[in-house]
């Protein structure tokens, strides 16, 4: 067997990296913090709206990108990939979810798009500041490995979140 055939067989046997669904507001764009002692970061204008972008979020997401397929899961939709790679020094081209204009009344407004994108079996981690009971019920009933990471919107993604996600990705991929 040639080295190329061996490499193709190994790639075919390797499972897909887990998905990491990334919210922006409350994870990267912070709010609700003490204005006299703001966290590390800076204000910027995105589409005419002020956002306080975490100074540490870019490096933390870059670490996660090595173990996950990163997907923007935010009301920013396609604007996330338009603005955030430049603001956070991240690669462009991450996928994004598009949400229905009329979300279901009995579930979180992101869940139908998440289910359509992820399918039932793919390992999925979702970092967001707004998980509700329907998100937890969805995560509990999914056949695929699922992890919900909740952030404090005044702090956003932390090193502890990153370590938890990396450990989970290692276990989910192995």
N, C-alpha and C. Protein backbone atom coordinates (compact mmCIF):
# COMPACT_ATOMS: atom_id res chain seq x y z
N UNK A 1 0.85 -1.17 0.00
CA UNK A 1 0.00 0.00 0.00
C UNK A 1 0.90 1.24 0.00
N UNK A 2 0.57 2.22 -0.81
CA UNK A 2 1.39 3.43 -0.91
C UNK A 2 1.13 4.33 0.31
N UNK A 3 2.08 5.24 0.61
CA UNK A 3 1.87 6.17 1.73
C UNK A 3 0.63 7.03 1.54
N UNK A 4 0.31 7.37 0.29
CA UNK A 4 -0.88 8.19 0.05
C UNK A 4 -2.13 7.41 0.40
N UNK A 5 -2.20 6.13 0.00
CA UNK A 5 -3.37 5.32 0.33
C UNK A 5 -3.51 5.15 1.83
N UNK A 6 -2.40 4.96 2.53
CA UNK A 6 -2.42 4.81 3.98
C UNK A 6 -2.95 6.09 4.63
N UNK A 7 -2.46 7.25 4.19
CA UNK A 7 -2.93 8.52 4.75
C UNK A 7 -4.41 8.74 4.49
N UNK A 8 -4.88 8.38 3.31
CA UNK A 8 -6.30 8.53 2.99
C UNK A 8 -7.13 7.63 3.90
N UNK A 9 -6.67 6.39 4.14
CA UNK A 9 -7.40 5.49 5.04
C UNK A 9 -7.44 6.06 6.45
N UNK A 10 -6.33 6.59 6.94
CA UNK A 10 -6.30 7.16 8.29
C UNK A 10 -7.24 8.35 8.38
N UNK A 11 -7.27 9.21 7.36
CA UNK A 11 -8.17 10.35 7.39
C UNK A 11 -9.62 9.89 7.37
N UNK A 12 -9.91 8.86 6.61
CA UNK A 12 -11.28 8.37 6.54
C UNK A 12 -11.75 7.79 7.87
N UNK A 13 -10.82 7.26 8.67
CA UNK A 13 -11.17 6.66 9.95
C UNK A 13 -11.25 7.68 11.08
N UNK A 14 -10.64 8.84 10.91
CA UNK A 14 -10.62 9.85 11.96
C UNK A 14 -12.00 10.53 12.05
N UNK A 15 -12.61 10.55 13.24
CA UNK A 15 -13.91 11.20 13.34
C UNK A 15 -13.77 12.71 13.18
N UNK A 16 -14.86 13.34 12.77
CA UNK A 16 -14.86 14.80 12.62
C UNK A 16 -14.63 15.44 13.99
N UNK A 17 -13.94 16.57 13.97
CA UNK A 17 -13.74 17.31 15.22
C UNK A 17 -15.10 17.73 15.77
N UNK A 18 -15.20 17.84 17.08
CA UNK A 18 -16.46 18.32 17.65
C UNK A 18 -16.73 19.75 17.17
N UNK A 19 -18.00 20.08 17.10
CA UNK A 19 -18.40 21.44 16.77
C UNK A 19 -18.34 22.30 18.03
N UNK A 20 -17.93 23.55 17.87
CA UNK A 20 -18.03 24.53 18.95
C UNK A 20 -18.90 25.67 18.44
N UNK A 21 -20.09 25.78 18.98
CA UNK A 21 -21.02 26.85 18.64
C UNK A 21 -20.71 28.04 19.54
N UNK A 22 -20.41 29.19 18.93
CA UNK A 22 -19.92 30.34 19.68
C UNK A 22 -20.88 31.52 19.55
N UNK A 23 -21.47 31.91 20.66
CA UNK A 23 -22.25 33.13 20.73
C UNK A 23 -21.28 34.30 20.78
N UNK A 24 -21.74 35.49 20.46
CA UNK A 24 -20.88 36.68 20.50
C UNK A 24 -21.23 37.56 21.69
N UNK A 25 -22.47 38.05 21.75
CA UNK A 25 -22.86 38.95 22.83
C UNK A 25 -22.90 38.19 24.14
N UNK A 26 -22.08 38.62 25.09
CA UNK A 26 -21.99 37.95 26.38
C UNK A 26 -20.87 36.92 26.45
N UNK A 27 -20.23 36.62 25.31
CA UNK A 27 -19.10 35.70 25.26
C UNK A 27 -17.85 36.46 24.81
N UNK A 28 -18.00 37.26 23.75
CA UNK A 28 -16.90 38.05 23.18
C UNK A 28 -17.17 39.54 23.37
N UNK A 29 -18.38 39.95 23.04
CA UNK A 29 -18.82 41.33 23.24
C UNK A 29 -19.47 41.40 24.62
N UNK A 30 -18.78 42.07 25.54
CA UNK A 30 -19.17 42.04 26.95
C UNK A 30 -20.12 43.18 27.29
N UNK A 31 -20.95 42.95 28.30
CA UNK A 31 -21.86 43.99 28.79
C UNK A 31 -22.21 43.71 30.24
N UNK A 32 -22.69 44.74 30.93
CA UNK A 32 -23.12 44.58 32.31
C UNK A 32 -22.00 44.65 33.33
N UNK A 33 -20.80 45.02 32.90
CA UNK A 33 -19.67 45.11 33.84
C UNK A 33 -19.65 46.48 34.50
N UNK A 34 -18.89 46.59 35.58
CA UNK A 34 -18.72 47.84 36.30
C UNK A 34 -17.96 48.81 35.41
N UNK A 35 -18.59 49.90 35.04
CA UNK A 35 -17.97 50.87 34.12
C UNK A 35 -16.72 51.53 34.71
N UNK A 36 -16.60 51.54 36.04
CA UNK A 36 -15.41 52.14 36.64
C UNK A 36 -14.22 51.19 36.62
N UNK A 37 -14.48 49.89 36.48
CA UNK A 37 -13.42 48.89 36.41
C UNK A 37 -13.73 47.89 35.30
N UNK A 38 -13.68 48.32 34.05
CA UNK A 38 -14.04 47.40 32.96
C UNK A 38 -13.00 46.29 32.81
N UNK A 39 -13.42 45.15 32.25
CA UNK A 39 -12.47 44.07 31.98
C UNK A 39 -11.53 44.50 30.85
N UNK A 40 -10.47 43.71 30.66
CA UNK A 40 -9.55 43.99 29.56
C UNK A 40 -10.33 43.93 28.25
N UNK A 41 -10.18 44.95 27.42
CA UNK A 41 -10.88 44.98 26.15
C UNK A 41 -10.93 46.38 25.60
N UNK A 42 -11.79 46.55 24.59
CA UNK A 42 -11.90 47.87 23.97
C UNK A 42 -13.28 48.02 23.33
N UNK A 43 -13.73 49.27 23.26
CA UNK A 43 -14.97 49.56 22.55
C UNK A 43 -14.67 49.64 21.06
N UNK A 44 -15.62 49.17 20.28
CA UNK A 44 -15.57 49.29 18.83
C UNK A 44 -17.00 49.44 18.33
N UNK A 45 -17.13 49.95 17.14
CA UNK A 45 -18.45 50.11 16.52
C UNK A 45 -18.60 49.04 15.45
N UNK A 46 -19.68 48.28 15.52
CA UNK A 46 -19.98 47.26 14.52
C UNK A 46 -21.37 47.57 13.98
N UNK A 47 -21.44 47.85 12.71
CA UNK A 47 -22.71 48.20 12.06
C UNK A 47 -23.46 49.29 12.82
N UNK A 48 -22.71 50.28 13.29
CA UNK A 48 -23.30 51.43 13.97
C UNK A 48 -23.62 51.22 15.43
N UNK A 49 -23.32 50.03 15.97
CA UNK A 49 -23.61 49.75 17.38
C UNK A 49 -22.32 49.59 18.17
N UNK A 50 -22.25 50.16 19.38
CA UNK A 50 -21.05 49.99 20.19
C UNK A 50 -20.99 48.60 20.81
N UNK A 51 -19.80 48.03 20.80
CA UNK A 51 -19.55 46.74 21.44
C UNK A 51 -18.25 46.83 22.22
N UNK A 52 -18.23 46.23 23.40
CA UNK A 52 -17.00 46.14 24.18
C UNK A 52 -16.43 44.75 23.97
N UNK A 53 -15.37 44.66 23.18
CA UNK A 53 -14.78 43.39 22.78
C UNK A 53 -13.73 42.95 23.80
N UNK A 54 -13.89 41.76 24.32
CA UNK A 54 -12.96 41.19 25.28
C UNK A 54 -11.55 41.17 24.71
N UNK A 55 -10.59 41.61 25.49
CA UNK A 55 -9.20 41.61 25.05
C UNK A 55 -8.58 40.22 25.03
N UNK A 56 -9.18 39.25 25.70
CA UNK A 56 -8.61 37.91 25.78
C UNK A 56 -9.36 36.89 24.92
N UNK A 57 -10.51 37.25 24.40
CA UNK A 57 -11.35 36.27 23.68
C UNK A 57 -10.65 35.72 22.44
N UNK A 58 -9.94 36.53 21.70
CA UNK A 58 -9.29 36.07 20.48
C UNK A 58 -8.30 34.95 20.74
N UNK A 59 -7.42 35.13 21.70
CA UNK A 59 -6.42 34.10 22.02
C UNK A 59 -7.10 32.84 22.55
N UNK A 60 -8.13 33.01 23.31
CA UNK A 60 -8.84 31.84 23.86
C UNK A 60 -9.53 31.05 22.74
N UNK A 61 -10.17 31.75 21.81
CA UNK A 61 -10.81 31.06 20.69
C UNK A 61 -9.78 30.43 19.76
N UNK A 62 -8.64 31.07 19.59
CA UNK A 62 -7.58 30.48 18.76
C UNK A 62 -7.13 29.15 19.34
N UNK A 63 -7.02 29.06 20.66
CA UNK A 63 -6.66 27.78 21.30
C UNK A 63 -7.71 26.72 21.02
N UNK A 64 -8.96 27.10 21.06
CA UNK A 64 -10.05 26.15 20.84
C UNK A 64 -10.14 25.71 19.39
N UNK A 65 -9.78 26.59 18.48
CA UNK A 65 -9.86 26.30 17.05
C UNK A 65 -9.00 25.08 16.66
N UNK A 66 -7.97 24.79 17.41
CA UNK A 66 -7.11 23.64 17.12
C UNK A 66 -7.83 22.31 17.41
N UNK A 67 -8.84 22.31 18.27
CA UNK A 67 -9.53 21.08 18.66
C UNK A 67 -10.98 21.00 18.21
N UNK A 68 -11.51 22.08 17.71
CA UNK A 68 -12.92 22.16 17.33
C UNK A 68 -13.08 22.70 15.92
N UNK A 69 -14.22 22.38 15.34
CA UNK A 69 -14.71 23.10 14.17
C UNK A 69 -15.56 24.24 14.74
N UNK A 70 -15.07 25.46 14.63
CA UNK A 70 -15.74 26.60 15.24
C UNK A 70 -16.82 27.15 14.31
N UNK A 71 -17.98 27.44 14.89
CA UNK A 71 -19.14 27.93 14.15
C UNK A 71 -19.74 29.10 14.94
N UNK A 72 -19.96 30.22 14.26
CA UNK A 72 -20.61 31.36 14.91
C UNK A 72 -22.08 31.04 15.11
N UNK A 73 -22.54 31.14 16.35
CA UNK A 73 -23.93 30.84 16.73
C UNK A 73 -24.48 32.07 17.42
N UNK A 74 -24.77 33.09 16.62
CA UNK A 74 -25.07 34.41 17.14
C UNK A 74 -26.07 35.12 16.24
N UNK A 75 -26.81 36.03 16.81
CA UNK A 75 -27.68 36.88 16.02
C UNK A 75 -26.92 37.73 15.02
N UNK A 76 -25.59 37.80 15.16
CA UNK A 76 -24.77 38.51 14.18
C UNK A 76 -24.79 37.78 12.83
N UNK A 77 -25.08 36.49 12.85
CA UNK A 77 -25.10 35.63 11.67
C UNK A 77 -23.84 35.85 10.82
N UNK A 78 -23.98 36.17 9.52
CA UNK A 78 -22.82 36.30 8.63
C UNK A 78 -21.93 37.49 8.99
N UNK A 79 -22.45 38.45 9.73
CA UNK A 79 -21.63 39.60 10.13
C UNK A 79 -20.52 39.20 11.12
N UNK A 80 -20.69 38.06 11.81
CA UNK A 80 -19.65 37.60 12.73
C UNK A 80 -18.35 37.36 11.96
N UNK A 81 -18.43 36.64 10.85
CA UNK A 81 -17.21 36.36 10.09
C UNK A 81 -16.71 37.59 9.34
N UNK A 82 -17.59 38.54 9.13
CA UNK A 82 -17.19 39.79 8.48
C UNK A 82 -16.37 40.67 9.43
N UNK A 83 -16.73 40.72 10.70
CA UNK A 83 -16.09 41.64 11.65
C UNK A 83 -15.12 41.00 12.63
N UNK A 84 -15.45 39.83 13.17
CA UNK A 84 -14.69 39.29 14.29
C UNK A 84 -13.29 38.79 13.96
N UNK A 85 -13.04 38.17 12.82
CA UNK A 85 -11.66 37.74 12.55
C UNK A 85 -10.67 38.91 12.64
N UNK A 86 -11.05 40.04 12.12
CA UNK A 86 -10.18 41.23 12.19
C UNK A 86 -10.04 41.73 13.63
N UNK A 87 -11.14 41.78 14.35
CA UNK A 87 -11.11 42.30 15.73
C UNK A 87 -10.39 41.37 16.70
N UNK A 88 -10.41 40.06 16.42
CA UNK A 88 -9.87 39.07 17.36
C UNK A 88 -8.62 38.37 16.86
N UNK A 89 -8.14 38.74 15.69
CA UNK A 89 -6.98 38.09 15.07
C UNK A 89 -7.22 36.59 14.93
N UNK A 90 -8.35 36.25 14.31
CA UNK A 90 -8.74 34.87 14.06
C UNK A 90 -8.84 34.65 12.55
N UNK A 91 -8.79 33.39 12.11
CA UNK A 91 -8.96 33.14 10.68
C UNK A 91 -10.39 33.44 10.23
N UNK A 92 -10.52 33.84 8.99
CA UNK A 92 -11.85 34.03 8.39
C UNK A 92 -12.36 32.68 7.92
N UNK A 93 -13.63 32.65 7.60
CA UNK A 93 -14.21 31.48 6.98
C UNK A 93 -14.90 30.51 7.91
N UNK A 94 -15.06 30.86 9.20
CA UNK A 94 -15.83 30.00 10.07
C UNK A 94 -17.29 30.05 9.63
N UNK A 95 -17.95 28.92 9.67
CA UNK A 95 -19.36 28.87 9.32
C UNK A 95 -20.17 29.68 10.33
N UNK A 96 -21.38 30.03 9.94
CA UNK A 96 -22.30 30.71 10.86
C UNK A 96 -23.69 30.12 10.68
N UNK A 97 -24.47 30.19 11.71
CA UNK A 97 -25.85 29.75 11.64
C UNK A 97 -26.74 30.92 11.26
N UNK A 98 -27.80 30.61 10.55
CA UNK A 98 -28.83 31.59 10.20
C UNK A 98 -30.09 31.18 10.92
N UNK A 99 -30.71 32.13 11.57
CA UNK A 99 -31.86 31.83 12.43
C UNK A 99 -33.16 32.24 11.78
N UNK A 100 -34.23 31.50 12.07
CA UNK A 100 -35.54 31.85 11.49
C UNK A 100 -36.01 33.19 12.03
N UNK A 101 -36.75 33.90 11.20
CA UNK A 101 -37.29 35.19 11.64
C UNK A 101 -38.40 35.00 12.66
N UNK A 102 -39.06 33.87 12.59
CA UNK A 102 -40.14 33.55 13.53
C UNK A 102 -39.76 32.29 14.30
N UNK A 103 -38.98 32.42 15.39
CA UNK A 103 -38.59 31.23 16.15
C UNK A 103 -39.80 30.57 16.81
N UNK A 104 -39.63 29.28 17.11
CA UNK A 104 -40.68 28.55 17.81
C UNK A 104 -40.93 29.16 19.18
N UNK A 105 -42.17 29.20 19.58
CA UNK A 105 -42.53 29.82 20.85
C UNK A 105 -42.16 28.97 22.05
N UNK A 106 -41.97 27.66 21.84
CA UNK A 106 -41.75 26.77 22.98
C UNK A 106 -40.30 26.34 23.14
N UNK A 107 -39.37 26.90 22.35
CA UNK A 107 -37.96 26.57 22.49
C UNK A 107 -37.10 27.83 22.36
N UNK A 108 -35.86 27.70 22.76
CA UNK A 108 -34.89 28.78 22.61
C UNK A 108 -34.81 29.17 21.14
N UNK A 109 -34.64 30.43 20.86
CA UNK A 109 -34.69 30.94 19.49
C UNK A 109 -33.59 30.41 18.59
N UNK A 110 -32.53 29.83 19.13
CA UNK A 110 -31.44 29.31 18.32
C UNK A 110 -31.56 27.80 18.03
N UNK A 111 -32.39 27.09 18.76
CA UNK A 111 -32.36 25.63 18.72
C UNK A 111 -32.73 25.01 17.37
N UNK A 112 -33.70 25.53 16.66
CA UNK A 112 -34.05 24.90 15.38
C UNK A 112 -32.90 24.99 14.39
N UNK A 113 -32.20 26.12 14.35
CA UNK A 113 -31.05 26.25 13.45
C UNK A 113 -29.90 25.36 13.91
N UNK A 114 -29.69 25.25 15.21
CA UNK A 114 -28.64 24.39 15.74
C UNK A 114 -28.92 22.93 15.39
N UNK A 115 -30.13 22.48 15.61
CA UNK A 115 -30.48 21.09 15.29
C UNK A 115 -30.29 20.79 13.81
N UNK A 116 -30.71 21.73 12.95
CA UNK A 116 -30.57 21.52 11.51
C UNK A 116 -29.09 21.45 11.10
N UNK A 117 -28.24 22.23 11.74
CA UNK A 117 -26.83 22.27 11.38
C UNK A 117 -26.05 21.09 11.95
N UNK A 118 -26.31 20.73 13.19
CA UNK A 118 -25.48 19.74 13.87
C UNK A 118 -25.91 18.31 13.62
N UNK A 119 -27.19 18.09 13.36
CA UNK A 119 -27.68 16.73 13.30
C UNK A 119 -27.71 16.14 14.70
N UNK A 120 -28.17 14.90 14.84
CA UNK A 120 -28.35 14.33 16.17
C UNK A 120 -27.09 13.74 16.81
N UNK A 121 -26.10 13.34 16.00
CA UNK A 121 -25.01 12.53 16.55
C UNK A 121 -23.67 13.23 16.70
N UNK A 122 -23.45 14.32 16.02
CA UNK A 122 -22.16 14.99 16.07
C UNK A 122 -21.93 15.56 17.46
N UNK A 123 -20.71 15.44 17.97
CA UNK A 123 -20.36 16.03 19.27
C UNK A 123 -20.40 17.56 19.14
N UNK A 124 -21.11 18.20 20.07
CA UNK A 124 -21.35 19.64 20.01
C UNK A 124 -21.14 20.26 21.38
N UNK A 125 -20.34 21.33 21.42
CA UNK A 125 -20.25 22.19 22.60
C UNK A 125 -20.80 23.55 22.19
N UNK A 126 -21.51 24.18 23.11
CA UNK A 126 -22.15 25.47 22.80
C UNK A 126 -21.86 26.42 23.94
N UNK A 127 -21.16 27.52 23.64
CA UNK A 127 -20.85 28.54 24.64
C UNK A 127 -21.72 29.76 24.39
N UNK A 128 -22.46 30.15 25.45
CA UNK A 128 -23.46 31.20 25.31
C UNK A 128 -23.77 31.75 26.70
N UNK A 129 -24.25 32.98 26.75
CA UNK A 129 -24.66 33.56 28.03
C UNK A 129 -26.16 33.42 28.25
N UNK A 130 -26.88 32.81 27.29
CA UNK A 130 -28.33 32.80 27.38
C UNK A 130 -28.99 31.45 27.24
N UNK A 131 -28.35 30.38 27.72
CA UNK A 131 -29.03 29.08 27.69
C UNK A 131 -30.24 29.13 28.63
N UNK A 132 -31.32 28.52 28.18
CA UNK A 132 -32.48 28.42 29.05
C UNK A 132 -32.82 26.95 29.28
N UNK A 133 -33.93 26.69 29.93
CA UNK A 133 -34.31 25.30 30.25
C UNK A 133 -34.47 24.44 29.00
N UNK A 134 -34.96 25.04 27.90
CA UNK A 134 -35.13 24.25 26.67
C UNK A 134 -33.78 23.86 26.08
N UNK A 135 -32.76 24.67 26.28
CA UNK A 135 -31.41 24.31 25.82
C UNK A 135 -30.89 23.11 26.60
N UNK A 136 -31.07 23.13 27.90
CA UNK A 136 -30.61 22.02 28.73
C UNK A 136 -31.38 20.73 28.42
N UNK A 137 -32.69 20.85 28.18
CA UNK A 137 -33.49 19.68 27.81
C UNK A 137 -33.02 19.12 26.46
N UNK A 138 -32.75 20.00 25.51
CA UNK A 138 -32.23 19.58 24.20
C UNK A 138 -30.91 18.84 24.37
N UNK A 139 -29.99 19.41 25.15
CA UNK A 139 -28.68 18.79 25.37
C UNK A 139 -28.83 17.42 26.02
N UNK A 140 -29.74 17.29 26.97
CA UNK A 140 -29.94 16.02 27.68
C UNK A 140 -30.49 14.93 26.77
N UNK A 141 -31.31 15.28 25.80
CA UNK A 141 -31.94 14.25 24.97
C UNK A 141 -31.17 13.95 23.68
N UNK A 142 -30.14 14.73 23.35
CA UNK A 142 -29.37 14.46 22.13
C UNK A 142 -28.61 13.15 22.26
N UNK A 143 -28.62 12.33 21.21
CA UNK A 143 -27.79 11.12 21.23
C UNK A 143 -26.29 11.44 21.19
N UNK A 144 -25.92 12.50 20.49
CA UNK A 144 -24.51 12.90 20.40
C UNK A 144 -24.04 13.58 21.67
N UNK A 145 -22.74 13.51 21.91
CA UNK A 145 -22.16 14.17 23.09
C UNK A 145 -22.41 15.67 22.98
N UNK A 146 -22.84 16.26 24.10
CA UNK A 146 -23.24 17.67 24.10
C UNK A 146 -22.77 18.32 25.39
N UNK A 147 -22.21 19.51 25.24
CA UNK A 147 -21.77 20.28 26.40
C UNK A 147 -22.24 21.72 26.24
N UNK A 148 -22.90 22.24 27.27
CA UNK A 148 -23.29 23.64 27.30
C UNK A 148 -22.36 24.36 28.27
N UNK A 149 -21.78 25.46 27.80
CA UNK A 149 -20.92 26.29 28.64
C UNK A 149 -21.60 27.64 28.78
N UNK A 150 -21.91 28.03 30.01
CA UNK A 150 -22.57 29.31 30.28
C UNK A 150 -21.53 30.35 30.68
N UNK A 151 -21.66 31.53 30.11
CA UNK A 151 -20.76 32.63 30.46
C UNK A 151 -21.51 33.71 31.24
N UNK A 152 -20.75 34.46 31.98
CA UNK A 152 -21.23 35.69 32.61
C UNK A 152 -20.99 36.78 31.57
N UNK A 153 -22.02 37.50 31.11
CA UNK A 153 -21.84 38.48 30.03
C UNK A 153 -20.93 39.64 30.38
N UNK A 154 -20.66 39.86 31.65
CA UNK A 154 -19.73 40.91 32.06
C UNK A 154 -18.28 40.44 31.97
N UNK A 155 -18.07 39.13 31.82
CA UNK A 155 -16.72 38.54 31.80
C UNK A 155 -16.43 37.85 30.48
N UNK A 156 -17.42 37.13 29.94
CA UNK A 156 -17.24 36.40 28.68
C UNK A 156 -16.46 35.12 28.87
N UNK A 157 -15.88 34.65 27.79
CA UNK A 157 -15.12 33.39 27.80
C UNK A 157 -13.87 33.55 28.67
N UNK A 158 -13.62 32.54 29.50
CA UNK A 158 -12.50 32.58 30.43
C UNK A 158 -11.53 31.43 30.14
N UNK A 159 -10.36 31.49 30.79
CA UNK A 159 -9.41 30.39 30.67
C UNK A 159 -10.01 29.09 31.21
N UNK A 160 -10.81 29.17 32.25
CA UNK A 160 -11.46 27.98 32.81
C UNK A 160 -12.41 27.36 31.78
N UNK A 161 -13.16 28.18 31.06
CA UNK A 161 -14.02 27.66 29.98
C UNK A 161 -13.19 26.94 28.94
N UNK A 162 -12.07 27.55 28.55
CA UNK A 162 -11.21 26.95 27.53
C UNK A 162 -10.69 25.59 28.00
N UNK A 163 -10.22 25.51 29.22
CA UNK A 163 -9.71 24.23 29.73
C UNK A 163 -10.81 23.18 29.77
N UNK A 164 -12.00 23.56 30.21
CA UNK A 164 -13.13 22.62 30.23
C UNK A 164 -13.45 22.14 28.82
N UNK A 165 -13.49 23.06 27.86
CA UNK A 165 -13.80 22.70 26.48
C UNK A 165 -12.73 21.80 25.87
N UNK A 166 -11.46 22.11 26.10
CA UNK A 166 -10.39 21.29 25.55
C UNK A 166 -10.40 19.88 26.13
N UNK A 167 -10.63 19.77 27.42
CA UNK A 167 -10.72 18.45 28.05
C UNK A 167 -11.91 17.67 27.49
N UNK A 168 -13.04 18.33 27.35
CA UNK A 168 -14.23 17.68 26.80
C UNK A 168 -14.00 17.25 25.36
N UNK A 169 -13.38 18.11 24.54
CA UNK A 169 -13.12 17.77 23.13
C UNK A 169 -12.22 16.56 23.02
N UNK A 170 -11.22 16.49 23.89
CA UNK A 170 -10.32 15.34 23.88
C UNK A 170 -11.09 14.04 24.18
N UNK A 171 -11.95 14.09 25.16
CA UNK A 171 -12.75 12.91 25.51
C UNK A 171 -13.78 12.59 24.43
N UNK A 172 -14.39 13.62 23.83
CA UNK A 172 -15.41 13.41 22.82
C UNK A 172 -14.82 12.87 21.52
N UNK A 173 -13.58 13.22 21.26
CA UNK A 173 -12.92 12.77 20.02
C UNK A 173 -12.26 11.40 20.17
N UNK A 174 -12.03 11.00 21.39
CA UNK A 174 -11.31 9.75 21.64
C UNK A 174 -12.20 8.63 21.86
